[in-house]
Amino acid sequence: MTTSRAHNYVKCEYCREDPANFVCRACVTYLCEECKEDHDIFFNFPFRKKPPKHDITELRTYNEELVGVLYCSDHKTKRMECFCDLCERPVCTDCIDLSHDGHDFKSISSAYEKIKKDLQRDKEEIEMDLIPKYTKLLDIEVENKSNLKTQADQIQDKIQSYTQDIIEMVKSIGEKTVQDLRVKEQNGLWNINETSEELKKKISRLKQIEKTLSDHINDTPGIEFFTPMDSNLLEEFETFPETFNYKLHDFQAGALPSIVAANFGTMPGFSICQADPSDTAGFWEDEECFSESESEMFSSGNLSQAEKCYMRFDLYDDNWDNIRDSDSETIF
């Protein structure tokens, strides 16, 4: 930052592209870094006797003496004598006559001092004010990053704990429902067993009667054969017991998944709060809610419409409703 602004108006006379940072006092030629090396090698070769050694000086304006080595880029042999305030450039006497007539001028040294003072002021503002403020803002962002992760972790733990409680509650309801099912099963089985035992007794009694009758039929007829049999022998078997069909009604899933999804809780909100410009460590107390389009504007970095607002938007959007609807039958 110590180089004079005159450098902006002096180009290398060799390549005519890069700015000149050096001047050869012997041939009064302005040189850039690369061309300076070529110039030095060509004219200051150790075995070269003529022309005399060229003294190449860095083009700086640390003092009045070095200011005096600046030569006009338009008029090669003319030294820059003063500084044109209107055009903001050093000029030689020929420049003044040809294109700067009527302009205000100051000495090169005073222009140099003013430029140097302005540069020093900007340098101090950067060092003492801007960098510390931006560093503080960066520290806030680093802290925000850490805090946001901590908050997300804490909310995640809370959601997972709450979810586990719901799972345990639903499991308990499911286990009780299964227990009720098994009780009904046992009641049905008891009735079936009672009926089966009664039928088995009937069959056993019938088999005994059948055997008695078979023995009567197969024995040699005697007096007993002609004895009349009990006319009511089979009466008790003429009336058959009632038969029943046993059926457990199938399980029908209730509305619990959709109810749980609808009442699970609100989605965690996400807020972006603009800090008070006068206090980079604090935040404004008031808040305003922004629409989704304004939230996208913030995310895109276009803050021109929101620089003075406390920005906030909640991510409780249609995506969550879609998730609830599509997964309501598969959550549990």
Protein backbone atom coordinates (compact mmCIF):
# COMPACT_ATOMS: atom_id res chain seq x y z
CA MET A 1 0.00 0.00 0.00
CA THR A 2 3.02 2.29 -0.07
CA THR A 3 3.13 2.61 -3.83
CA SER A 4 2.00 5.91 -5.34
CA ARG A 5 -1.21 6.04 -7.32
CA ALA A 6 0.95 7.26 -10.19
CA HIS A 7 1.69 3.58 -10.82
CA ASN A 8 -1.83 3.20 -12.14
CA TYR A 9 -0.91 5.49 -15.04
CA VAL A 10 2.52 4.05 -15.89
CA LYS A 11 2.69 0.82 -17.87
CA CYS A 12 5.73 -1.28 -18.60
CA GLU A 13 7.39 0.10 -21.71
CA TYR A 14 8.56 -3.34 -22.79
CA CYS A 15 5.46 -5.53 -22.65
CA ARG A 16 2.99 -2.57 -22.53
CA GLU A 17 0.59 -4.69 -20.51
CA ASP A 18 1.60 -4.96 -16.86
CA PRO A 19 1.99 -1.95 -14.56
CA ALA A 20 5.51 -0.64 -14.11
CA ASN A 21 7.02 -1.22 -10.68
CA PHE A 22 10.59 -0.19 -11.58
CA VAL A 23 12.38 2.57 -13.48
CA CYS A 24 15.81 2.38 -15.07
CA ARG A 25 17.64 5.60 -14.22
CA ALA A 26 20.10 5.15 -17.10
CA CYS A 27 17.62 4.88 -19.96
CA VAL A 28 14.54 6.27 -18.16
CA THR A 29 12.49 3.19 -18.96
CA TYR A 30 9.56 1.94 -16.90
CA LEU A 31 9.60 -1.82 -16.26
CA CYS A 32 7.31 -4.47 -14.78
CA GLU A 33 8.66 -7.27 -12.59
CA GLU A 34 9.30 -9.73 -15.41
CA CYS A 35 10.72 -7.24 -17.88
CA LYS A 36 12.92 -5.74 -15.17
CA GLU A 37 14.75 -9.06 -14.86
CA ASP A 38 15.27 -9.29 -18.63
CA HIS A 39 16.45 -5.68 -18.72
CA ASP A 40 18.84 -6.24 -15.86
CA ILE A 41 20.32 -9.39 -17.43
CA PHE A 42 20.78 -7.73 -20.82
CA PHE A 43 22.41 -4.49 -19.66
CA ASN A 44 24.19 -5.67 -16.52
CA PHE A 45 25.74 -8.87 -17.84
CA PRO A 46 29.06 -9.31 -15.96
CA PHE A 47 31.21 -9.34 -19.11
CA ARG A 48 29.39 -6.51 -20.82
CA LYS A 49 31.47 -3.31 -20.88
CA LYS A 50 29.18 -0.99 -22.80
CA PRO A 51 26.83 0.71 -22.23
CA PRO A 52 27.49 1.54 -18.58
CA LYS A 53 25.68 -0.35 -15.86
CA HIS A 54 22.02 0.50 -15.61
CA ASP A 55 20.68 1.42 -12.19
CA ILE A 56 17.17 -0.01 -11.80
CA THR A 57 15.16 1.52 -8.94
CA GLU A 58 11.89 0.35 -7.45
CA LEU A 59 9.18 2.81 -8.34
CA ARG A 60 8.09 3.91 -4.86
CA THR A 61 7.29 7.26 -3.31
CA TYR A 62 8.56 6.97 0.20
CA ASN A 63 9.91 10.51 0.02
CA GLU A 64 10.19 13.59 -2.17
CA GLU A 65 13.38 12.34 -3.79
CA LEU A 66 11.78 9.20 -5.23
CA VAL A 67 8.71 11.11 -6.32
CA GLY A 68 11.01 13.00 -8.62
CA VAL A 69 11.86 9.87 -10.67
CA LEU A 70 8.30 9.54 -12.03
CA TYR A 71 8.16 10.23 -15.74
CA CYS A 72 5.12 10.85 -17.85
CA SER A 73 3.90 7.79 -19.73
CA ASP A 74 2.75 10.01 -22.64
CA HIS A 75 5.83 12.23 -22.80
CA LYS A 76 8.74 9.98 -22.02
CA THR A 77 11.36 12.59 -21.27
CA LYS A 78 9.11 14.76 -19.09
CA ARG A 79 9.02 14.34 -15.36
CA MET A 80 5.70 14.54 -13.63
CA GLU A 81 5.64 17.97 -12.06
CA CYS A 82 2.25 18.12 -10.33
CA PHE A 83 -0.99 16.32 -9.64
CA CYS A 84 -4.29 17.15 -11.41
CA ASP A 85 -7.13 17.24 -8.86
CA LEU A 86 -9.86 16.94 -11.51
CA CYS A 87 -8.33 14.00 -13.35
CA GLU A 88 -6.74 12.52 -10.21
CA ARG A 89 -3.43 11.73 -11.87
CA PRO A 90 0.14 13.02 -11.98
CA VAL A 91 0.93 15.14 -15.05
CA CYS A 92 3.93 16.72 -16.73
CA THR A 93 4.09 20.27 -18.11
CA ASP A 94 3.22 19.08 -21.62
CA CYS A 95 0.11 17.34 -20.28
CA ILE A 96 -0.95 20.54 -18.54
CA ASP A 97 -0.65 22.55 -21.76
CA LEU A 98 -2.32 19.95 -23.99
CA SER A 99 -5.18 18.44 -21.98
CA HIS A 100 -5.42 19.88 -18.47
CA ASP A 101 -5.88 23.57 -19.14
CA GLY A 102 -7.92 25.26 -16.39
CA HIS A 103 -7.67 22.33 -13.97
CA ASP A 104 -6.58 22.68 -10.35
CA PHE A 105 -3.21 21.23 -9.45
CA LYS A 106 -1.14 20.42 -6.39
CA SER A 107 2.42 19.27 -5.94
CA ILE A 108 3.27 15.61 -6.37
CA SER A 109 4.48 15.40 -2.79
CA SER A 110 1.27 16.88 -1.31
CA ALA A 111 -0.83 14.56 -3.47
CA TYR A 112 1.30 11.69 -2.33
CA GLU A 113 0.85 12.66 1.31
CA LYS A 114 -2.92 12.94 0.90
CA ILE A 115 -3.19 9.59 -0.86
CA LYS A 116 -0.96 8.01 1.74
CA LYS A 117 -3.09 9.52 4.50
CA ASP A 118 -6.29 8.20 2.91
CA LEU A 119 -4.78 4.76 2.50
CA GLN A 120 -3.56 4.81 6.09
CA ARG A 121 -7.03 5.81 7.27
CA ASP A 122 -8.60 2.92 5.33
CA LYS A 123 -5.95 0.57 6.62
CA GLU A 124 -6.62 1.60 10.23
CA GLU A 125 -10.38 1.28 9.72
CA ILE A 126 -9.86 -2.25 8.45
CA GLU A 127 -7.53 -3.18 11.30
CA MET A 128 -9.26 -1.40 14.17
CA ASP A 129 -12.93 -1.53 13.20
CA LEU A 130 -13.96 -3.77 10.31
CA ILE A 131 -11.88 -6.89 11.00
CA PRO A 132 -12.79 -6.95 14.74
CA LYS A 133 -16.49 -6.55 13.91
CA TYR A 134 -16.44 -9.23 11.23
CA THR A 135 -14.44 -11.47 13.54
CA LYS A 136 -17.10 -10.97 16.22
CA LEU A 137 -19.82 -11.80 13.70
CA LEU A 138 -17.90 -14.93 12.69
CA ASP A 139 -17.61 -15.92 16.36
CA ILE A 140 -21.39 -15.52 16.64
CA GLU A 141 -21.90 -17.80 13.64
CA VAL A 142 -19.54 -20.39 15.14
CA GLU A 143 -21.48 -20.20 18.40
CA ASN A 144 -24.77 -20.36 16.47
CA LYS A 145 -23.58 -23.51 14.73
CA SER A 146 -22.71 -25.16 18.03
CA ASN A 147 -25.92 -24.00 19.72
CA LEU A 148 -28.09 -25.11 16.79
CA LYS A 149 -26.58 -28.61 16.87
CA THR A 150 -27.01 -28.79 20.66
CA GLN A 151 -30.64 -27.67 20.36
CA ALA A 152 -31.31 -30.18 17.58
CA ASP A 153 -29.76 -32.99 19.66
CA GLN A 154 -31.85 -32.05 22.70
CA ILE A 155 -35.07 -31.85 20.68
CA GLN A 156 -34.23 -35.16 19.00
CA ASP A 157 -33.77 -36.82 22.41
CA LYS A 158 -37.11 -35.39 23.52
CA ILE A 159 -38.87 -36.62 20.37
CA GLN A 160 -37.31 -40.07 20.65
CA SER A 161 -38.24 -40.35 24.33
CA TYR A 162 -41.79 -39.24 23.60
CA THR A 163 -41.97 -41.67 20.68
CA GLN A 164 -40.73 -44.51 22.89
CA ASP A 165 -43.42 -43.68 25.48
CA ILE A 166 -46.07 -43.87 22.76
CA ILE A 167 -44.61 -47.15 21.49
CA GLU A 168 -44.70 -48.61 25.01
CA MET A 169 -48.27 -47.40 25.46
CA VAL A 170 -49.36 -48.92 22.14
CA LYS A 171 -47.51 -52.17 22.94
CA SER A 172 -49.34 -52.33 26.27
CA ILE A 173 -52.68 -51.81 24.52
CA GLY A 174 -51.73 -54.48 21.97
CA GLU A 175 -50.76 -56.97 24.68
CA LYS A 176 -54.03 -56.38 26.55
CA THR A 177 -55.96 -56.84 23.31
CA VAL A 178 -54.18 -60.17 22.73
CA GLN A 179 -54.96 -61.23 26.30
CA ASP A 180 -58.65 -60.46 25.75
CA LEU A 181 -58.50 -62.49 22.54
CA ARG A 182 -57.07 -65.50 24.37
CA VAL A 183 -59.71 -65.24 27.11
CA LYS A 184 -62.42 -65.39 24.47
CA GLU A 185 -60.61 -68.32 22.88
CA GLN A 186 -60.53 -70.16 26.22
CA ASN A 187 -64.23 -69.50 26.77
CA GLY A 188 -65.02 -70.97 23.37
CA LEU A 189 -62.75 -73.95 23.96
CA TRP A 190 -64.43 -74.65 27.32
CA ASN A 191 -67.84 -74.76 25.66
CA ILE A 192 -66.49 -77.00 22.89
CA ASN A 193 -64.91 -79.34 25.44
CA GLU A 194 -68.14 -79.56 27.46
CA THR A 195 -70.13 -80.43 24.36
CA SER A 196 -67.48 -82.93 23.26
CA GLU A 197 -67.53 -84.70 26.64
CA GLU A 198 -71.32 -84.96 26.56
CA LEU A 199 -71.20 -86.39 23.04
CA LYS A 200 -68.51 -88.87 24.03
CA LYS A 201 -70.69 -90.11 26.91
CA LYS A 202 -73.66 -90.51 24.57
CA ILE A 203 -71.58 -92.47 22.10
CA SER A 204 -70.19 -94.70 24.87
CA ARG A 205 -73.72 -95.38 26.19
CA LEU A 206 -74.95 -96.16 22.68
CA LYS A 207 -72.08 -98.60 22.15
CA GLN A 208 -72.99 -100.41 25.36
CA ILE A 209 -76.64 -100.68 24.30
CA GLU A 210 -75.55 -101.83 20.86
CA LYS A 211 -73.46 -104.61 22.41
CA THR A 212 -76.30 -105.74 24.63
CA LEU A 213 -78.63 -105.87 21.66
CA SER A 214 -76.02 -107.68 19.59
CA ASP A 215 -75.59 -110.28 22.31
CA HIS A 216 -79.35 -110.80 22.44
CA ILE A 217 -79.50 -111.26 18.69
CA ASN A 218 -76.59 -113.71 18.48
CA ASP A 219 -77.43 -115.85 21.58
CA THR A 220 -79.57 -119.01 21.41
CA PRO A 221 -83.07 -117.83 21.94
CA GLY A 222 -84.37 -118.56 25.39
CA ILE A 223 -87.27 -117.50 27.48
CA GLU A 224 -85.45 -114.19 28.17
CA PHE A 225 -85.34 -113.44 24.45
CA PHE A 226 -89.07 -112.97 24.41
CA THR A 227 -89.06 -110.67 27.35
CA PRO A 228 -90.22 -107.25 26.09
CA MET A 229 -87.45 -104.61 26.01
CA ASP A 230 -87.77 -101.15 27.50
CA SER A 231 -89.68 -99.10 24.96
CA ASN A 232 -87.93 -95.96 26.09
CA LEU A 233 -84.46 -97.43 25.69
CA LEU A 234 -83.45 -95.05 22.89
CA GLU A 235 -85.69 -92.17 23.79
CA GLU A 236 -82.91 -90.20 25.41
CA PHE A 237 -80.91 -90.39 22.17
CA GLU A 238 -83.68 -89.34 19.85
CA THR A 239 -83.18 -85.66 20.71
CA PHE A 240 -79.78 -84.55 19.46
CA PRO A 241 -77.88 -81.81 21.27
CA GLU A 242 -77.73 -78.41 19.60
CA THR A 243 -74.64 -77.73 17.53
CA PHE A 244 -72.85 -74.38 17.39
CA ASN A 245 -70.30 -72.68 15.18
CA TYR A 246 -67.55 -70.90 17.06
CA LYS A 247 -65.93 -67.92 15.41
CA LEU A 248 -63.67 -65.13 16.63
CA HIS A 249 -64.32 -61.83 14.95
CA ASP A 250 -61.27 -60.54 13.09
CA PHE A 251 -59.27 -57.62 14.43
CA GLN A 252 -60.12 -54.30 12.83
CA ALA A 253 -57.44 -51.61 13.11
CA GLY A 254 -58.75 -48.45 14.66
CA ALA A 255 -57.97 -44.83 13.92
CA LEU A 256 -55.11 -44.69 16.40
CA PRO A 257 -52.32 -44.19 13.79
CA SER A 258 -54.01 -41.17 12.22
CA ILE A 259 -55.00 -39.85 15.64
CA VAL A 260 -51.43 -40.22 16.90
CA ALA A 261 -50.04 -38.65 13.73
CA ALA A 262 -52.45 -35.74 14.01
CA ASN A 263 -51.79 -35.26 17.71
CA PHE A 264 -48.18 -36.38 17.95
CA GLY A 265 -47.06 -32.79 18.46
CA THR A 266 -46.05 -29.77 16.47
CA MET A 267 -43.04 -29.96 14.22
CA PRO A 268 -40.05 -28.15 15.73
CA GLY A 269 -39.99 -24.59 14.42
CA PHE A 270 -36.96 -22.96 12.86
CA SER A 271 -36.28 -19.27 13.42
CA ILE A 272 -33.73 -16.98 11.82
CA CYS A 273 -33.49 -13.81 13.86
CA GLN A 274 -31.68 -10.76 12.58
CA ALA A 275 -29.43 -9.30 15.24
CA ASP A 276 -29.78 -5.68 16.29
CA PRO A 277 -27.30 -3.79 14.07
CA SER A 278 -26.19 -1.78 17.12
CA ASP A 279 -25.49 -4.91 19.13
CA THR A 280 -24.01 -7.86 17.27
CA ALA A 281 -24.21 -9.97 20.41
CA GLY A 282 -27.96 -9.55 20.98
CA PHE A 283 -31.24 -10.01 19.24
CA TRP A 284 -34.40 -7.99 18.92
CA GLU A 285 -37.28 -8.97 21.15
CA ASP A 286 -40.07 -8.48 18.62
CA GLU A 287 -40.63 -11.03 15.90
CA GLU A 288 -42.48 -11.23 12.61
CA CYS A 289 -43.56 -14.36 10.76
CA PHE A 290 -42.60 -14.64 7.12
CA SER A 291 -44.28 -16.60 4.38
CA GLU A 292 -42.57 -19.51 2.65
CA SER A 293 -41.57 -17.31 -0.30
CA GLU A 294 -39.94 -14.83 2.07
CA SER A 295 -38.18 -17.70 3.83
CA GLU A 296 -36.81 -18.85 0.47
CA MET A 297 -35.65 -15.28 -0.11
CA PHE A 298 -33.65 -15.47 3.09
CA SER A 299 -32.18 -18.86 2.17
CA SER A 300 -31.16 -17.55 -1.23
CA GLY A 301 -29.20 -14.72 0.40
CA ASN A 302 -31.42 -11.95 -0.98
CA LEU A 303 -31.95 -9.87 2.15
CA SER A 304 -32.72 -6.56 0.50
CA GLN A 305 -36.36 -6.74 1.59
CA ALA A 306 -35.72 -8.15 5.03
CA GLU A 307 -32.58 -6.48 6.36
CA LYS A 308 -34.52 -4.53 8.98
CA CYS A 309 -36.91 -7.30 9.95
CA TYR A 310 -36.82 -10.01 12.57
CA MET A 311 -37.08 -13.03 10.35
CA ARG A 312 -38.90 -16.14 11.43
CA PHE A 313 -40.48 -19.05 9.63
CA ASP A 314 -41.82 -22.41 10.83
CA LEU A 315 -41.20 -25.59 8.92
CA TYR A 316 -44.65 -26.93 9.77
CA ASP A 317 -45.63 -27.27 6.15
CA ASP A 318 -47.51 -29.48 3.74
CA ASN A 319 -44.68 -32.03 3.72
CA TRP A 320 -45.51 -32.98 7.31
CA ASP A 321 -49.21 -33.32 6.47
CA ASN A 322 -48.30 -35.52 3.51
CA ILE A 323 -46.16 -37.72 5.73
CA ARG A 324 -48.98 -38.05 8.24
CA ASP A 325 -51.50 -39.04 5.56
CA SER A 326 -49.28 -41.45 3.64
CA ASP A 327 -47.84 -43.23 6.69
CA SER A 328 -50.90 -43.19 8.96
CA GLU A 329 -51.58 -46.87 8.32
CA THR A 330 -47.99 -48.01 8.72
CA ILE A 331 -46.77 -46.07 11.74
CA PHE A 332 -47.78 -48.84 14.15
